[in-house]
């Protein structure tokens, strides 16, 4: 197993999808839950009002993830 696969589960074949925000960081990034592991993710500016528990749409980018926005609850 490569180091990146140990750090980011399924990193060799990441796919876009949903994730839950585990932590909102002071620098504007978030940690998201991917297969039970907290993984750092960048956010686009439009995803403001970030909150723990948000269910968000993420896309893989260069071995990491970018949060595109929050799913609505209605």
C-alpha atoms as a PDB file:
ATOM      1  CA  UNK A   1       0.000   0.000   0.000  1.00  0.00           C
ATOM      2  CA  UNK A   2       1.323   3.428  -0.908  1.00  0.00           C
ATOM      3  CA  UNK A   3       1.580   6.223   1.647  1.00  0.00           C
ATOM      4  CA  UNK A   4      -1.120   8.271  -0.102  1.00  0.00           C
ATOM      5  CA  UNK A   5      -3.531   5.322   0.047  1.00  0.00           C
ATOM      6  CA  UNK A   6      -2.820   4.981   3.779  1.00  0.00           C
ATOM      7  CA  UNK A   7      -3.519   8.687   4.347  1.00  0.00           C
ATOM      8  CA  UNK A   8      -6.457   9.084   1.953  1.00  0.00           C
ATOM      9  CA  UNK A   9      -8.566   5.922   1.691  1.00  0.00           C
ATOM     10  CA  UNK A  10      -9.260   4.994  -1.932  1.00  0.00           C
ATOM     11  CA  UNK A  11      -7.039   7.855  -3.099  1.00  0.00           C
ATOM     12  CA  UNK A  12      -5.985   5.880  -6.158  1.00  0.00           C
ATOM     13  CA  UNK A  13      -9.582   5.977  -7.418  1.00  0.00           C
ATOM     14  CA  UNK A  14     -11.400   8.884  -5.737  1.00  0.00           C
ATOM     15  CA  UNK A  15     -14.789   9.858  -7.089  1.00  0.00           C
ATOM     16  CA  UNK A  16     -17.048  12.843  -6.733  1.00  0.00           C
ATOM     17  CA  UNK A  17     -19.802  12.473  -4.190  1.00  0.00           C
ATOM     18  CA  UNK A  18     -21.111  13.488  -0.820  1.00  0.00           C
ATOM     19  CA  UNK A  19     -19.246  13.809   2.452  1.00  0.00           C
ATOM     20  CA  UNK A  20     -19.975  15.146   5.919  1.00  0.00           C
ATOM     21  CA  UNK A  21     -18.040  18.072   7.376  1.00  0.00           C
ATOM     22  CA  UNK A  22     -16.243  16.925  10.534  1.00  0.00           C
ATOM     23  CA  UNK A  23     -14.325  20.120  11.348  1.00  0.00           C
ATOM     24  CA  UNK A  24     -14.341  23.733  10.177  1.00  0.00           C
ATOM     25  CA  UNK A  25     -10.797  25.129  10.306  1.00  0.00           C
ATOM     26  CA  UNK A  26      -9.767  28.735  10.991  1.00  0.00           C
ATOM     27  CA  UNK A  27      -8.041  28.991   7.588  1.00  0.00           C
ATOM     28  CA  UNK A  28     -11.307  28.408   5.686  1.00  0.00           C
ATOM     29  CA  UNK A  29     -10.719  24.739   4.924  1.00  0.00           C
ATOM     30  CA  UNK A  30     -12.755  21.886   6.355  1.00  0.00           C
ATOM     31  CA  UNK A  31     -12.094  18.296   7.298  1.00  0.00           C
ATOM     32  CA  UNK A  32     -14.541  15.903   5.659  1.00  0.00           C
ATOM     33  CA  UNK A  33     -15.306  12.287   6.457  1.00  0.00           C
ATOM     34  CA  UNK A  34     -14.275   9.886   3.695  1.00  0.00           C
ATOM     35  CA  UNK A  35     -14.723   6.202   4.569  1.00  0.00           C
ATOM     36  CA  UNK A  36     -14.654   7.133   8.268  1.00  0.00           C
ATOM     37  CA  UNK A  37     -11.384   9.089   8.053  1.00  0.00           C
ATOM     38  CA  UNK A  38     -11.157  12.869   8.451  1.00  0.00           C
ATOM     39  CA  UNK A  39      -9.539  14.318   5.321  1.00  0.00           C
ATOM     40  CA  UNK A  40      -8.695  18.007   4.750  1.00  0.00           C
ATOM     41  CA  UNK A  41     -10.524  19.724   1.898  1.00  0.00           C
ATOM     42  CA  UNK A  42     -10.450  23.151   0.300  1.00  0.00           C
ATOM     43  CA  UNK A  43     -13.737  24.984  -0.286  1.00  0.00           C
ATOM     44  CA  UNK A  44     -14.937  27.189  -3.093  1.00  0.00           C
ATOM     45  CA  UNK A  45     -15.826  30.698  -1.969  1.00  0.00           C
ATOM     46  CA  UNK A  46     -19.554  30.191  -2.592  1.00  0.00           C
ATOM     47  CA  UNK A  47     -19.673  27.622   0.225  1.00  0.00           C
ATOM     48  CA  UNK A  48     -19.866  30.197   3.006  1.00  0.00           C
ATOM     49  CA  UNK A  49     -21.467  29.599   6.438  1.00  0.00           C
ATOM     50  CA  UNK A  50     -19.582  26.312   6.817  1.00  0.00           C
ATOM     51  CA  UNK A  51     -20.729  24.141   9.718  1.00  0.00           C
ATOM     52  CA  UNK A  52     -19.899  20.789  11.267  1.00  0.00           C
ATOM     53  CA  UNK A  53     -22.458  18.237  10.106  1.00  0.00           C
ATOM     54  CA  UNK A  54     -23.058  19.816   6.697  1.00  0.00           C
ATOM     55  CA  UNK A  55     -23.514  17.244   3.940  1.00  0.00           C
ATOM     56  CA  UNK A  56     -21.501  18.573   1.017  1.00  0.00           C
ATOM     57  CA  UNK A  57     -20.670  17.696  -2.588  1.00  0.00           C
ATOM     58  CA  UNK A  58     -16.947  17.097  -3.113  1.00  0.00           C
ATOM     59  CA  UNK A  59     -14.765  16.449  -6.141  1.00  0.00           C
ATOM     60  CA  UNK A  60     -11.286  14.914  -6.114  1.00  0.00           C
ATOM     61  CA  UNK A  61      -8.474  17.236  -7.221  1.00  0.00           C
ATOM     62  CA  UNK A  62      -4.778  16.239  -7.262  1.00  0.00           C
ATOM     63  CA  UNK A  63      -4.936  13.745  -4.427  1.00  0.00           C
ATOM     64  CA  UNK A  64      -7.262  15.855  -2.271  1.00  0.00           C
ATOM     65  CA  UNK A  65     -10.818  17.124  -2.332  1.00  0.00           C
ATOM     66  CA  UNK A  66     -12.597  20.410  -3.035  1.00  0.00           C
ATOM     67  CA  UNK A  67     -15.982  21.127  -1.486  1.00  0.00           C
ATOM     68  CA  UNK A  68     -18.350  22.551  -4.088  1.00  0.00           C
ATOM     69  CA  UNK A  69     -21.259  23.319  -1.766  1.00  0.00           C
ATOM     70  CA  UNK A  70     -23.796  22.090   0.747  1.00  0.00           C
ATOM     71  CA  UNK A  71     -26.777  19.918  -0.154  1.00  0.00           C
ATOM     72  CA  UNK A  72     -30.115  21.486   0.775  1.00  0.00           C
ATOM     73  CA  UNK A  73     -32.238  19.899   3.450  1.00  0.00           C
ATOM     74  CA  UNK A  74     -35.571  20.488   1.713  1.00  0.00           C
END
